[in-house]
Amino acid sequence: MLSKLFRAGVFVCLAAGCMVAQDPTKVEPKHYKLDFENERVQVVSVHYGPHEKSGLHDHPGGVVVSITEGHLRFTDEAGKVREVFAKPGEVRWYAPFKHRVENLSDNPYDAVYVGIKGRLATASRGPSTVAMDDETKKIVAGYVTSSAKP
């Protein structure tokens, strides 16, 4: 009886571990590098070489700032595909969702992802994106441009 209970406990722990978010900096370190993290945000550098693909991973909801131009394909865990064309300095909100990424371009793609942690990060699910207003784009693009200078 005790061994059955122990096995059931191990199974529950393993199943729970599979359902936990798959941090891209851990499961995709080739493409995602942690730059900063605290209890509220996670800032991650994103880099995909030409035609590179990622494995399945997820992020908390957050803002992506494209550093370079990109043509990306996102495929969610249900197989739904969405293509995104990104321009340098463009800023987009992404709700949290599990996905794979493929760089469809012949050029590398670079971006910065600022993930929001906590209750706000899980407020909405799905691959929706919302473009930011022009003033916010200018502020973020100016920050990114000034921080990229040596």
C-alpha atoms as a PDB file:
ATOM      1  CA  MET A   1       0.000   0.000   0.000  1.00  0.00           C
ATOM      2  CA  LEU A   2       2.785   2.399   0.943  1.00  0.00           C
ATOM      3  CA  SER A   3       4.692   1.682  -2.299  1.00  0.00           C
ATOM      4  CA  LYS A   4       1.546   2.365  -4.380  1.00  0.00           C
ATOM      5  CA  LEU A   5       1.088   5.674  -2.580  1.00  0.00           C
ATOM      6  CA  PHE A   6       4.756   6.534  -3.144  1.00  0.00           C
ATOM      7  CA  ARG A   7       4.498   5.727  -6.880  1.00  0.00           C
ATOM      8  CA  ALA A   8       1.350   7.830  -7.173  1.00  0.00           C
ATOM      9  CA  GLY A   9       3.133  10.742  -5.474  1.00  0.00           C
ATOM     10  CA  VAL A  10       6.113  10.458  -7.853  1.00  0.00           C
ATOM     11  CA  PHE A  11       3.747  10.378 -10.842  1.00  0.00           C
ATOM     12  CA  VAL A  12       1.918  13.510  -9.661  1.00  0.00           C
ATOM     13  CA  CYS A  13       5.227  15.348  -9.147  1.00  0.00           C
ATOM     14  CA  LEU A  14       6.490  14.369 -12.610  1.00  0.00           C
ATOM     15  CA  ALA A  15       3.216  15.370 -14.257  1.00  0.00           C
ATOM     16  CA  ALA A  16       3.231  18.723 -12.464  1.00  0.00           C
ATOM     17  CA  GLY A  17       6.797  19.334 -13.612  1.00  0.00           C
ATOM     18  CA  CYS A  18       5.760  18.824 -17.239  1.00  0.00           C
ATOM     19  CA  MET A  19       2.975  21.372 -16.887  1.00  0.00           C
ATOM     20  CA  VAL A  20       5.226  24.092 -15.489  1.00  0.00           C
ATOM     21  CA  ALA A  21       6.219  26.855 -17.882  1.00  0.00           C
ATOM     22  CA  GLN A  22       9.115  25.960 -20.131  1.00  0.00           C
ATOM     23  CA  ASP A  23      11.455  28.909 -19.612  1.00  0.00           C
ATOM     24  CA  PRO A  24      13.061  29.650 -22.989  1.00  0.00           C
ATOM     25  CA  THR A  25      16.387  30.625 -21.376  1.00  0.00           C
ATOM     26  CA  LYS A  26      16.589  27.062 -20.037  1.00  0.00           C
ATOM     27  CA  VAL A  27      15.087  25.001 -22.889  1.00  0.00           C
ATOM     28  CA  GLU A  28      16.344  27.236 -25.757  1.00  0.00           C
ATOM     29  CA  PRO A  29      19.612  28.833 -24.535  1.00  0.00           C
ATOM     30  CA  LYS A  30      20.864  29.053 -28.135  1.00  0.00           C
ATOM     31  CA  HIS A  31      18.101  31.572 -28.910  1.00  0.00           C
ATOM     32  CA  TYR A  32      17.314  33.199 -25.537  1.00  0.00           C
ATOM     33  CA  LYS A  33      19.749  34.786 -23.058  1.00  0.00           C
ATOM     34  CA  LEU A  34      18.631  36.131 -19.695  1.00  0.00           C
ATOM     35  CA  ASP A  35      19.767  39.760 -19.304  1.00  0.00           C
ATOM     36  CA  PHE A  36      17.898  40.739 -16.137  1.00  0.00           C
ATOM     37  CA  GLU A  37      15.294  39.275 -13.821  1.00  0.00           C
ATOM     38  CA  ASN A  38      13.507  40.198 -10.630  1.00  0.00           C
ATOM     39  CA  GLU A  39      10.132  39.350  -9.094  1.00  0.00           C
ATOM     40  CA  ARG A  40       8.285  41.553 -11.631  1.00  0.00           C
ATOM     41  CA  VAL A  41      10.033  41.219 -15.009  1.00  0.00           C
ATOM     42  CA  GLN A  42      12.304  39.006 -17.056  1.00  0.00           C
ATOM     43  CA  VAL A  43      14.414  40.703 -19.766  1.00  0.00           C
ATOM     44  CA  VAL A  44      15.672  38.324 -22.429  1.00  0.00           C
ATOM     45  CA  SER A  45      17.844  38.851 -25.518  1.00  0.00           C
ATOM     46  CA  VAL A  46      16.474  36.956 -28.504  1.00  0.00           C
ATOM     47  CA  HIS A  47      18.631  35.786 -31.418  1.00  0.00           C
ATOM     48  CA  TYR A  48      17.705  33.503 -34.302  1.00  0.00           C
ATOM     49  CA  GLY A  49      20.126  32.823 -37.124  1.00  0.00           C
ATOM     50  CA  PRO A  50      18.797  32.523 -40.676  1.00  0.00           C
ATOM     51  CA  HIS A  51      16.164  29.762 -40.905  1.00  0.00           C
ATOM     52  CA  GLU A  52      16.739  28.590 -37.319  1.00  0.00           C
ATOM     53  CA  LYS A  53      13.896  26.931 -35.425  1.00  0.00           C
ATOM     54  CA  SER A  54      13.172  26.606 -31.734  1.00  0.00           C
ATOM     55  CA  GLY A  55      11.630  23.834 -29.704  1.00  0.00           C
ATOM     56  CA  LEU A  56       8.370  24.247 -27.817  1.00  0.00           C
ATOM     57  CA  HIS A  57       8.625  26.859 -25.049  1.00  0.00           C
ATOM     58  CA  ASP A  58       6.619  29.671 -23.518  1.00  0.00           C
ATOM     59  CA  HIS A  59       7.066  33.136 -22.095  1.00  0.00           C
ATOM     60  CA  PRO A  60       5.050  35.188 -19.662  1.00  0.00           C
ATOM     61  CA  GLY A  61       3.006  37.904 -21.372  1.00  0.00           C
ATOM     62  CA  GLY A  62       5.264  40.742 -22.371  1.00  0.00           C
ATOM     63  CA  VAL A  63       6.659  43.242 -24.820  1.00  0.00           C
ATOM     64  CA  VAL A  64       8.993  42.391 -27.712  1.00  0.00           C
ATOM     65  CA  VAL A  65      11.247  45.103 -29.128  1.00  0.00           C
ATOM     66  CA  SER A  66      12.607  44.102 -32.533  1.00  0.00           C
ATOM     67  CA  ILE A  67      16.206  45.142 -33.057  1.00  0.00           C
ATOM     68  CA  THR A  68      16.421  43.836 -36.631  1.00  0.00           C
ATOM     69  CA  GLU A  69      13.927  43.117 -39.360  1.00  0.00           C
ATOM     70  CA  GLY A  70      12.354  39.694 -39.145  1.00  0.00           C
ATOM     71  CA  HIS A  71       9.964  37.276 -40.799  1.00  0.00           C
ATOM     72  CA  LEU A  72       8.950  34.734 -38.172  1.00  0.00           C
ATOM     73  CA  ARG A  73       6.555  31.817 -38.019  1.00  0.00           C
ATOM     74  CA  PHE A  74       4.952  30.997 -34.666  1.00  0.00           C
ATOM     75  CA  THR A  75       3.307  27.596 -34.244  1.00  0.00           C
ATOM     76  CA  ASP A  76       1.354  27.080 -31.030  1.00  0.00           C
ATOM     77  CA  GLU A  77       0.975  23.776 -29.194  1.00  0.00           C
ATOM     78  CA  ALA A  78      -2.303  23.080 -31.046  1.00  0.00           C
ATOM     79  CA  GLY A  79      -0.573  23.509 -34.428  1.00  0.00           C
ATOM     80  CA  LYS A  80      -2.051  26.934 -35.243  1.00  0.00           C
ATOM     81  CA  VAL A  81       0.430  28.896 -37.376  1.00  0.00           C
ATOM     82  CA  ARG A  82       0.929  32.640 -37.465  1.00  0.00           C
ATOM     83  CA  GLU A  83       3.511  34.622 -39.440  1.00  0.00           C
ATOM     84  CA  VAL A  84       4.865  37.926 -38.166  1.00  0.00           C
ATOM     85  CA  PHE A  85       6.812  40.561 -40.082  1.00  0.00           C
ATOM     86  CA  ALA A  86       8.851  42.681 -37.662  1.00  0.00           C
ATOM     87  CA  LYS A  87      10.590  45.984 -38.343  1.00  0.00           C
ATOM     88  CA  PRO A  88      13.581  47.388 -36.411  1.00  0.00           C
ATOM     89  CA  GLY A  89      12.363  49.404 -33.413  1.00  0.00           C
ATOM     90  CA  GLU A  90       8.878  47.916 -33.600  1.00  0.00           C
ATOM     91  CA  VAL A  91       7.295  47.117 -30.246  1.00  0.00           C
ATOM     92  CA  ARG A  92       4.530  44.538 -29.758  1.00  0.00           C
ATOM     93  CA  TRP A  93       2.657  43.028 -26.832  1.00  0.00           C
ATOM     94  CA  TYR A  94       2.375  39.244 -26.792  1.00  0.00           C
ATOM     95  CA  ALA A  95       0.026  37.413 -24.475  1.00  0.00           C
ATOM     96  CA  PRO A  96       1.543  34.280 -22.912  1.00  0.00           C
ATOM     97  CA  PHE A  97       1.375  31.151 -25.062  1.00  0.00           C
ATOM     98  CA  LYS A  98       3.369  27.990 -25.794  1.00  0.00           C
ATOM     99  CA  HIS A  99       4.911  28.011 -29.233  1.00  0.00           C
ATOM    100  CA  ARG A 100       7.726  27.155 -31.590  1.00  0.00           C
ATOM    101  CA  VAL A 101       9.502  29.853 -33.594  1.00  0.00           C
ATOM    102  CA  GLU A 102      11.060  29.680 -37.029  1.00  0.00           C
ATOM    103  CA  ASN A 103      13.058  32.486 -38.633  1.00  0.00           C
ATOM    104  CA  LEU A 104      11.879  32.410 -42.254  1.00  0.00           C
ATOM    105  CA  SER A 105      14.451  34.995 -43.320  1.00  0.00           C
ATOM    106  CA  ASP A 106      17.915  34.642 -44.850  1.00  0.00           C
ATOM    107  CA  ASN A 107      19.110  37.135 -42.202  1.00  0.00           C
ATOM    108  CA  PRO A 108      19.498  36.818 -38.425  1.00  0.00           C
ATOM    109  CA  TYR A 109      16.737  38.189 -36.202  1.00  0.00           C
ATOM    110  CA  ASP A 110      17.428  39.970 -32.907  1.00  0.00           C
ATOM    111  CA  ALA A 111      15.011  41.332 -30.321  1.00  0.00           C
ATOM    112  CA  VAL A 112      14.572  42.026 -26.620  1.00  0.00           C
ATOM    113  CA  TYR A 113      11.688  40.411 -24.736  1.00  0.00           C
ATOM    114  CA  VAL A 114      10.450  41.991 -21.504  1.00  0.00           C
ATOM    115  CA  GLY A 115       8.227  39.423 -19.808  1.00  0.00           C
ATOM    116  CA  ILE A 116       5.820  40.518 -17.085  1.00  0.00           C
ATOM    117  CA  LYS A 117       5.652  38.167 -14.106  1.00  0.00           C
ATOM    118  CA  GLY A 118       2.846  37.463 -11.670  1.00  0.00           C
ATOM    119  CA  ARG A 119      -0.906  37.862 -12.029  1.00  0.00           C
ATOM    120  CA  LEU A 120      -0.720  40.235 -15.013  1.00  0.00           C
ATOM    121  CA  ALA A 121       1.408  37.759 -16.976  1.00  0.00           C
ATOM    122  CA  THR A 122      -1.361  35.159 -16.961  1.00  0.00           C
ATOM    123  CA  ALA A 123      -4.319  37.526 -17.355  1.00  0.00           C
ATOM    124  CA  SER A 124      -4.843  36.568 -20.993  1.00  0.00           C
ATOM    125  CA  ARG A 125      -3.797  33.509 -22.972  1.00  0.00           C
ATOM    126  CA  GLY A 126      -3.231  33.123 -26.689  1.00  0.00           C
ATOM    127  CA  PRO A 127      -0.964  34.394 -29.428  1.00  0.00           C
ATOM    128  CA  SER A 128      -2.549  37.812 -29.779  1.00  0.00           C
ATOM    129  CA  THR A 129      -0.367  40.816 -30.391  1.00  0.00           C
ATOM    130  CA  VAL A 130      -1.193  44.448 -29.934  1.00  0.00           C
ATOM    131  CA  ALA A 131       0.963  47.124 -31.483  1.00  0.00           C
ATOM    132  CA  MET A 132       1.912  49.971 -29.165  1.00  0.00           C
ATOM    133  CA  ASP A 133       1.038  53.586 -29.824  1.00  0.00           C
ATOM    134  CA  ASP A 134       3.527  55.749 -31.742  1.00  0.00           C
ATOM    135  CA  GLU A 135       4.761  57.670 -28.694  1.00  0.00           C
ATOM    136  CA  THR A 136       5.605  54.471 -26.793  1.00  0.00           C
ATOM    137  CA  LYS A 137       7.343  53.053 -29.885  1.00  0.00           C
ATOM    138  CA  LYS A 138       9.547  56.160 -30.120  1.00  0.00           C
ATOM    139  CA  ILE A 139      10.466  56.010 -26.433  1.00  0.00           C
ATOM    140  CA  VAL A 140      11.360  52.316 -26.513  1.00  0.00           C
ATOM    141  CA  ALA A 141      13.178  52.587 -29.881  1.00  0.00           C
ATOM    142  CA  GLY A 142      15.206  55.521 -28.516  1.00  0.00           C
ATOM    143  CA  TYR A 143      16.111  53.505 -25.430  1.00  0.00           C
ATOM    144  CA  VAL A 144      17.121  50.466 -27.463  1.00  0.00           C
ATOM    145  CA  THR A 145      19.157  52.563 -29.897  1.00  0.00           C
ATOM    146  CA  SER A 146      20.978  54.424 -27.120  1.00  0.00           C
ATOM    147  CA  SER A 147      21.695  51.239 -25.147  1.00  0.00           C
ATOM    148  CA  ALA A 148      23.098  49.501 -28.258  1.00  0.00           C
ATOM    149  CA  LYS A 149      25.804  52.140 -28.725  1.00  0.00           C
ATOM    150  CA  PRO A 150      29.266  51.187 -27.365  1.00  0.00           C
END
